[in-house]
Protein backbone atom coordinates (compact mmCIF):
# COMPACT_ATOMS: atom_id res chain seq x y z
CA MET A 1 65.44 149.90 214.05
CA SER A 2 64.10 152.95 212.39
CA ALA A 3 60.33 152.99 211.22
CA HIS A 4 59.63 151.49 208.05
CA SER A 5 56.89 150.91 205.56
CA GLU A 6 54.33 148.15 206.42
CA GLU A 7 53.95 147.42 202.69
CA ALA A 8 55.16 144.04 201.66
CA PRO A 9 58.28 144.22 199.35
CA GLU A 10 57.96 142.98 195.92
CA LEU A 11 58.78 139.27 195.75
CA ILE A 12 61.61 138.55 193.32
CA GLU A 13 60.79 135.52 191.09
CA ALA A 14 63.39 133.15 191.78
CA ALA A 15 63.13 129.34 191.42
CA PRO A 16 60.27 128.55 194.00
CA THR A 17 60.67 125.78 196.58
CA LEU A 18 58.23 122.99 195.84
CA LEU A 19 56.86 120.91 198.68
CA VAL A 20 54.13 118.19 198.90
CA ALA A 21 52.26 117.70 202.09
CA GLY A 22 52.49 114.15 203.43
CA ALA A 23 49.82 112.31 205.42
CA ASP A 24 51.26 113.79 208.60
CA ALA A 25 50.67 117.37 207.49
CA ALA A 26 46.94 116.67 207.68
CA GLY A 27 45.30 119.10 210.30
CA GLN A 28 48.70 121.00 210.99
CA ARG A 29 48.55 124.87 210.82
CA LEU A 30 50.28 126.00 207.54
CA ASP A 31 52.94 128.02 209.24
CA GLN A 32 53.94 125.28 211.47
CA TRP A 33 54.17 122.74 208.85
CA LEU A 34 56.13 124.89 206.54
CA ALA A 35 58.47 125.99 209.14
CA ALA A 36 59.31 122.40 209.87
CA ALA A 37 59.45 121.50 206.05
CA LEU A 38 61.88 124.42 205.20
CA GLY A 39 64.28 123.40 207.97
CA PRO A 40 66.39 125.23 210.37
CA ASP A 41 67.24 128.14 208.09
CA MET A 42 63.71 129.43 208.33
CA SER A 43 62.18 130.69 211.49
CA ARG A 44 58.50 130.41 212.14
CA SER A 45 58.13 134.27 212.15
CA ARG A 46 59.93 134.47 208.81
CA VAL A 47 57.65 131.78 207.31
CA GLN A 48 54.53 133.73 208.66
CA MET A 49 55.91 136.92 207.02
CA LEU A 50 56.19 135.03 203.76
CA ILE A 51 52.60 133.82 203.80
CA ARG A 52 51.21 137.31 204.64
CA GLN A 53 53.22 138.74 201.80
CA GLY A 54 51.69 136.26 199.25
CA GLY A 55 54.75 134.26 198.76
CA VAL A 56 53.06 130.77 199.37
CA VAL A 57 50.85 129.13 196.89
CA ILE A 58 48.91 125.93 197.43
CA ASP A 59 47.59 123.96 194.56
CA GLY A 60 47.93 127.05 192.31
CA LYS A 61 46.09 129.55 194.70
CA PRO A 62 47.90 132.03 196.85
CA VAL A 63 47.12 131.90 200.61
CA ASP A 64 47.68 134.50 203.20
CA GLU A 65 46.29 132.98 206.30
CA THR A 66 49.04 131.52 208.61
CA LYS A 67 46.58 129.36 210.56
CA ARG A 68 45.09 127.61 207.54
CA LYS A 69 44.74 123.90 208.13
CA MET A 70 46.89 121.53 205.82
CA SER A 71 45.53 118.56 203.94
CA ALA A 72 47.56 115.62 202.81
CA GLY A 73 48.71 115.75 199.14
CA GLU A 74 48.53 119.53 198.78
CA ASN A 75 51.31 120.85 196.42
CA VAL A 76 53.03 124.02 198.17
CA SER A 77 55.19 126.49 196.22
CA VAL A 78 57.25 128.92 198.21
CA ALA A 79 58.74 131.97 196.58
CA MET A 80 61.74 133.39 198.43
CA PRO A 81 62.44 137.09 198.05
CA GLU A 82 65.85 138.36 198.11
CA PRO A 83 66.88 140.05 201.35
CA GLU A 84 66.08 143.59 201.37
CA PRO A 85 68.88 146.21 201.95
CA ALA A 86 69.48 147.06 205.62
CA LEU A 87 67.34 150.04 206.78
CA PRO A 88 70.12 151.55 208.99
CA GLN A 89 73.24 152.53 206.99
CA GLY A 90 76.58 150.95 207.37
CA GLU A 91 79.17 153.04 209.26
CA ASN A 92 82.90 152.57 209.52
CA ILE A 93 83.06 152.11 213.26
CA ALA A 94 86.02 150.19 214.68
CA LEU A 95 85.02 146.83 216.32
CA ASP A 96 86.83 144.52 218.58
CA VAL A 97 86.13 141.18 216.88
CA LEU A 98 86.80 138.12 219.03
CA TYR A 99 85.49 135.63 216.49
CA GLU A 100 83.62 135.59 213.06
CA ASP A 101 82.44 133.02 210.65
CA ASN A 102 79.65 132.74 207.98
CA GLU A 103 76.96 132.50 210.60
CA LEU A 104 77.89 134.82 213.54
CA ILE A 105 80.26 137.29 214.89
CA VAL A 106 81.33 137.83 218.50
CA ILE A 107 82.49 141.15 219.57
CA ASN A 108 83.82 142.85 222.66
CA LYS A 109 81.48 145.81 222.93
CA PRO A 110 82.94 149.01 224.63
CA ALA A 111 81.13 151.13 227.02
CA GLY A 112 79.37 154.08 225.31
CA LEU A 113 78.29 152.04 222.29
CA VAL A 114 74.56 151.67 221.92
CA VAL A 115 73.58 148.31 220.34
CA HIS A 116 70.55 149.21 218.20
CA PRO A 117 69.21 152.48 216.50
CA GLY A 118 66.49 154.19 218.27
CA ALA A 119 65.22 157.54 219.51
CA GLY A 120 68.09 159.73 219.91
CA ASN A 121 70.58 157.17 218.59
CA TRP A 122 69.79 156.71 214.77
CA THR A 123 73.40 156.39 213.95
CA GLY A 124 76.67 155.42 215.48
CA THR A 125 75.36 152.22 216.93
CA LEU A 126 76.59 148.58 216.97
CA VAL A 127 74.14 147.67 214.24
CA ASN A 128 75.56 150.44 211.99
CA ALA A 129 79.09 149.22 212.47
CA LEU A 130 78.13 145.59 211.78
CA ILE A 131 76.38 146.36 208.56
CA HIS A 132 79.45 148.15 207.50
CA HIS A 133 81.87 145.37 208.86
CA CYS A 134 79.91 142.34 207.54
CA GLY A 135 78.73 143.71 204.25
CA ASP A 136 77.52 140.85 201.85
CA SER A 137 78.08 138.15 204.46
CA LEU A 138 74.78 139.27 206.04
CA SER A 139 72.26 136.80 204.40
CA GLY A 140 69.26 138.38 205.79
CA ILE A 141 67.50 138.21 209.04
CA GLY A 142 63.70 138.00 208.46
CA GLY A 143 64.13 138.94 204.95
CA VAL A 144 66.12 142.17 205.71
CA ARG A 145 69.92 142.17 205.19
CA ARG A 146 70.77 143.17 208.78
CA PRO A 147 72.58 141.64 211.91
CA GLY A 148 70.45 139.56 214.15
CA ILE A 149 70.53 140.90 217.62
CA VAL A 150 69.81 138.02 220.13
CA HIS A 151 70.89 139.82 223.38
CA ARG A 152 71.85 143.25 224.21
CA LEU A 153 73.98 145.16 226.65
CA ASP A 154 73.33 148.54 228.03
CA LYS A 155 75.03 151.46 226.27
CA GLU A 156 77.48 151.91 229.27
CA THR A 157 77.90 148.28 229.93
CA SER A 158 80.98 146.67 228.12
CA GLY A 159 81.68 143.11 227.17
CA VAL A 160 81.10 140.18 225.07
CA MET A 161 78.19 139.86 222.61
CA VAL A 162 77.26 137.38 219.86
CA VAL A 163 75.25 138.59 216.73
CA ALA A 164 73.72 136.36 214.12
CA LYS A 165 74.40 136.75 210.49
CA THR A 166 71.88 134.34 209.14
CA ASP A 167 68.24 133.29 209.76
CA ARG A 168 69.56 129.89 210.87
CA ALA A 169 71.90 131.25 213.30
CA HIS A 170 69.35 133.79 214.64
CA LYS A 171 66.69 131.25 215.34
CA SER A 172 69.15 128.92 217.10
CA LEU A 173 70.64 131.71 219.30
CA SER A 174 67.37 133.36 219.97
CA GLU A 175 66.09 130.05 221.34
CA ALA A 176 69.25 129.49 223.51
CA PHE A 177 68.79 133.06 224.95
CA ALA A 178 65.07 132.70 225.40
CA ASP A 179 65.52 129.83 228.00
CA HIS A 180 68.72 131.24 229.33
CA GLY A 181 70.78 128.02 228.97
CA LEU A 182 68.36 125.79 230.97
CA THR A 183 68.05 123.26 228.10
CA GLY A 184 71.46 124.06 226.26
CA ASP A 185 74.81 125.30 226.46
CA LEU A 186 74.65 128.98 227.26
CA GLU A 187 76.71 130.68 229.91
CA ARG A 188 76.82 134.44 230.70
CA ALA A 189 78.80 136.09 233.40
CA TYR A 190 79.25 139.81 234.32
CA LEU A 191 81.65 141.47 236.75
CA ALA A 192 80.16 144.21 238.79
CA LEU A 193 81.87 146.71 241.24
CA VAL A 194 79.36 147.44 243.86
CA TRP A 195 79.12 149.53 246.96
CA GLY A 196 79.45 147.61 250.29
CA THR A 197 79.92 143.83 250.96
CA PRO A 198 77.11 141.36 250.56
CA GLN A 199 76.64 139.39 253.96
CA ARG A 200 77.06 136.05 252.13
CA PRO A 201 79.73 135.24 249.66
CA THR A 202 77.32 133.69 247.28
CA GLY A 203 73.41 134.24 246.91
CA THR A 204 70.42 134.24 244.65
CA ILE A 205 68.16 137.20 243.98
CA ASP A 206 64.77 136.09 242.85
CA ALA A 207 62.71 139.27 242.52
CA PRO A 208 60.27 140.05 239.70
CA LEU A 209 60.98 143.23 237.67
CA GLY A 210 58.61 145.73 236.29
CA ARG A 211 58.35 149.38 235.24
CA ALA A 212 59.44 152.03 237.91
CA ALA A 213 57.17 154.93 238.79
CA ASP A 214 58.68 156.96 236.13
CA ARG A 215 57.89 154.37 233.46
CA VAL A 216 61.51 154.42 232.16
CA ARG A 217 63.49 152.80 234.64
CA ARG A 218 62.83 149.27 236.05
CA ALA A 219 62.13 148.25 239.68
CA VAL A 220 61.38 145.19 241.76
CA VAL A 221 57.61 144.92 241.83
CA PRO A 222 54.86 142.59 243.51
CA GLU A 223 54.73 139.24 241.87
CA GLY A 224 51.04 139.67 240.97
CA ARG A 225 51.30 142.93 239.07
CA ASP A 226 50.44 142.94 235.29
CA ASP A 227 53.86 143.93 234.10
CA ALA A 228 55.87 141.77 236.72
CA ARG A 229 58.47 139.51 235.03
CA HIS A 230 60.13 136.66 236.60
CA ALA A 231 63.83 137.64 237.28
CA VAL A 232 66.60 135.67 239.03
CA THR A 233 70.37 136.57 239.36
CA ARG A 234 73.04 134.45 241.04
CA PHE A 235 76.05 136.30 242.50
CA ALA A 236 79.35 135.42 243.97
CA VAL A 237 81.77 137.90 245.74
CA GLN A 238 85.10 137.77 244.23
CA GLU A 239 86.97 140.47 246.00
CA ARG A 240 86.14 142.57 248.99
CA PHE A 241 87.67 146.17 249.52
CA GLY A 242 88.24 147.98 252.72
CA GLU A 243 86.52 145.30 254.71
CA GLY A 244 88.96 145.54 257.53
CA GLN A 245 88.61 149.30 258.31
CA ARG A 246 85.78 151.57 259.24
CA GLU A 247 87.08 154.95 257.98
CA PHE A 248 86.32 154.45 254.36
CA ALA A 249 83.35 153.30 252.41
CA THR A 250 83.74 149.46 251.27
CA ALA A 251 83.13 148.00 248.01
CA SER A 252 83.19 144.58 246.45
CA LEU A 253 83.92 142.98 242.86
CA VAL A 254 81.04 140.56 242.31
CA GLU A 255 80.45 138.04 239.54
CA CYS A 256 76.67 137.97 238.52
CA ARG A 257 75.14 135.23 236.44
CA LEU A 258 71.72 135.42 234.83
CA GLU A 259 68.93 132.81 235.02
CA THR A 260 66.64 135.27 233.12
CA GLY A 261 67.50 138.34 231.01
CA ARG A 262 65.29 141.37 231.92
CA THR A 263 66.20 144.93 231.03
CA HIS A 264 68.85 146.42 233.74
CA GLN A 265 68.41 143.21 235.63
CA ILE A 266 71.80 143.07 237.42
CA ARG A 267 71.62 146.71 238.10
CA VAL A 268 68.24 146.65 239.67
CA HIS A 269 68.87 143.38 241.63
CA MET A 270 72.06 144.61 243.14
CA ALA A 271 70.61 147.98 244.12
CA HIS A 272 67.63 145.91 245.70
CA ILE A 273 69.94 144.07 248.05
CA GLY A 274 71.58 147.29 249.07
CA HIS A 275 74.72 147.01 246.90
CA PRO A 276 74.21 149.15 243.66
CA VAL A 277 76.77 149.14 240.94
CA ILE A 278 79.12 151.89 241.40
CA GLY A 279 78.64 154.77 238.95
CA ASP A 280 75.20 153.66 238.17
CA PRO A 281 73.31 156.85 237.09
CA ASP A 282 69.84 155.24 237.49
CA TYR A 283 69.95 152.93 240.36
CA GLY A 284 72.78 154.11 242.53
CA LEU A 285 72.17 157.75 243.03
CA ALA A 286 71.36 157.29 246.73
CA PHE A 287 74.91 156.01 247.15
CA ARG A 288 76.60 158.85 245.26
CA THR A 289 77.75 160.40 248.52
CA LYS A 290 79.69 157.37 249.59
CA ALA A 291 82.44 158.71 247.30
CA ASN A 292 82.99 161.39 249.86
CA ARG A 293 84.15 158.75 252.41
CA LEU A 294 86.97 157.82 250.21
CA PRO A 295 90.59 158.94 250.35
CA GLU A 296 92.17 160.72 247.40
CA PRO A 297 92.78 159.99 244.60
CA LEU A 298 90.18 157.30 244.77
CA LYS A 299 87.53 159.71 245.81
CA THR A 300 88.13 161.78 242.64
CA GLN A 301 88.26 158.57 240.46
CA VAL A 302 84.85 157.43 241.67
CA LYS A 303 83.20 160.84 241.15
CA ALA A 304 84.63 161.05 237.64
CA PHE A 305 83.43 157.57 236.72
CA SER A 306 80.39 158.44 234.67
CA ARG A 307 78.96 155.05 233.94
CA GLN A 308 77.93 151.81 235.75
CA ALA A 309 80.99 149.75 236.59
CA LEU A 310 79.51 146.60 234.90
CA HIS A 311 81.27 144.23 232.36
CA ALA A 312 80.02 141.15 230.47
CA TRP A 313 83.25 139.10 230.87
CA LEU A 314 82.12 135.64 229.76
CA LEU A 315 79.94 134.21 227.04
CA ALA A 316 79.48 130.68 225.96
CA PHE A 317 76.99 129.09 223.75
CA ARG A 318 76.58 126.32 221.32
CA HIS A 319 77.45 127.09 217.58
CA PRO A 320 74.28 126.85 215.49
CA THR A 321 75.83 124.64 212.78
CA THR A 322 78.90 122.88 214.23
CA HIS A 323 77.15 122.33 217.45
CA LEU A 324 80.39 122.91 219.39
CA THR A 325 80.42 124.83 222.69
CA MET A 326 82.24 128.03 221.96
CA ARG A 327 83.58 130.25 224.94
CA PHE A 328 84.70 133.80 224.84
CA GLU A 329 86.17 136.01 227.59
CA ALA A 330 86.86 139.86 227.53
CA PRO A 331 89.12 141.43 230.07
CA ILE A 332 87.69 144.23 232.22
CA PRO A 333 88.17 147.55 230.33
CA GLU A 334 90.93 149.96 231.43
CA ASP A 335 88.73 152.50 233.14
CA MET A 336 87.01 149.89 235.29
CA GLU A 337 90.16 148.05 235.94
CA GLU A 338 91.80 151.31 237.16
CA LEU A 339 88.82 151.91 239.41
CA VAL A 340 88.98 148.32 240.85
CA ASP A 341 92.71 148.84 241.55
CA GLY A 342 92.09 152.02 243.33
CA PHE A 343 89.72 150.09 245.71
CA ARG A 344 92.37 147.43 246.26
CA LYS A 345 94.51 149.96 247.79
CA LEU A 346 92.06 150.59 250.59
């Protein structure tokens, strides 16, 4: 998201929400009590923002301290500002929509599409596309009329993504992705075309990730390092290519499932065990010459494939309002499927 003013937006005077603190409120922090009292539509971070903006009045006096202790019997008035316009502009970018309702939208993101505006990509992103596509159905995430990004795919990774359209959905989905489905119905699976063949058909890579020496990429780092983050990837080999011959380089189609969601996690972990994703410009450069050990036309195909061969093919989650488990699949995109087919002919 582009930089924006830190000044609080003007609160629009609508009918305020009036609450009375019960006996159980005594001693609770204001932000905690208010988040619970306002229900699932309001995240705690959103409540904290309202308090700091002067939108909360207790017994006739505005308060701006989120940690203020509550007392039983206090009268609390909450003024809810209208959502601000989205800071990025909507752009008419085609989307492959798998599902949409008032709470969320599920899309099949193509490779090459950046998820969020940022340095070098202020326009032409998924967020720009969603602002245009969803329009007024975006009820406001954190007081801003924008889509709620709860997880991301790298620019050159394709596949299924869910995006929240309301604060309620954003809170529910964010919590599900935060614990990676350990306490709920969340399932994510990727297909990666990697160099070589893992020794075992299934395995778990448990290796903490932190910043690489260039401060841009990620790397497996010692567990005790300050920036080390717990990271676990489970993999299962789906197909092996060229395993019965020694003339050409071998490869495998591997399904990866995340127990954590770190930046570039699958790409770094697969490279760490000696099987980088084919085409990966950041973590597979040492294996680039393996393409020279392939027959034509596969050799030319691999050299021309300019992105990591990684696709998020499955996403399942519990809907924030219906509480039904929803499951979405996206087929491997054509360019990656052609590459896989080429290896099948080895």
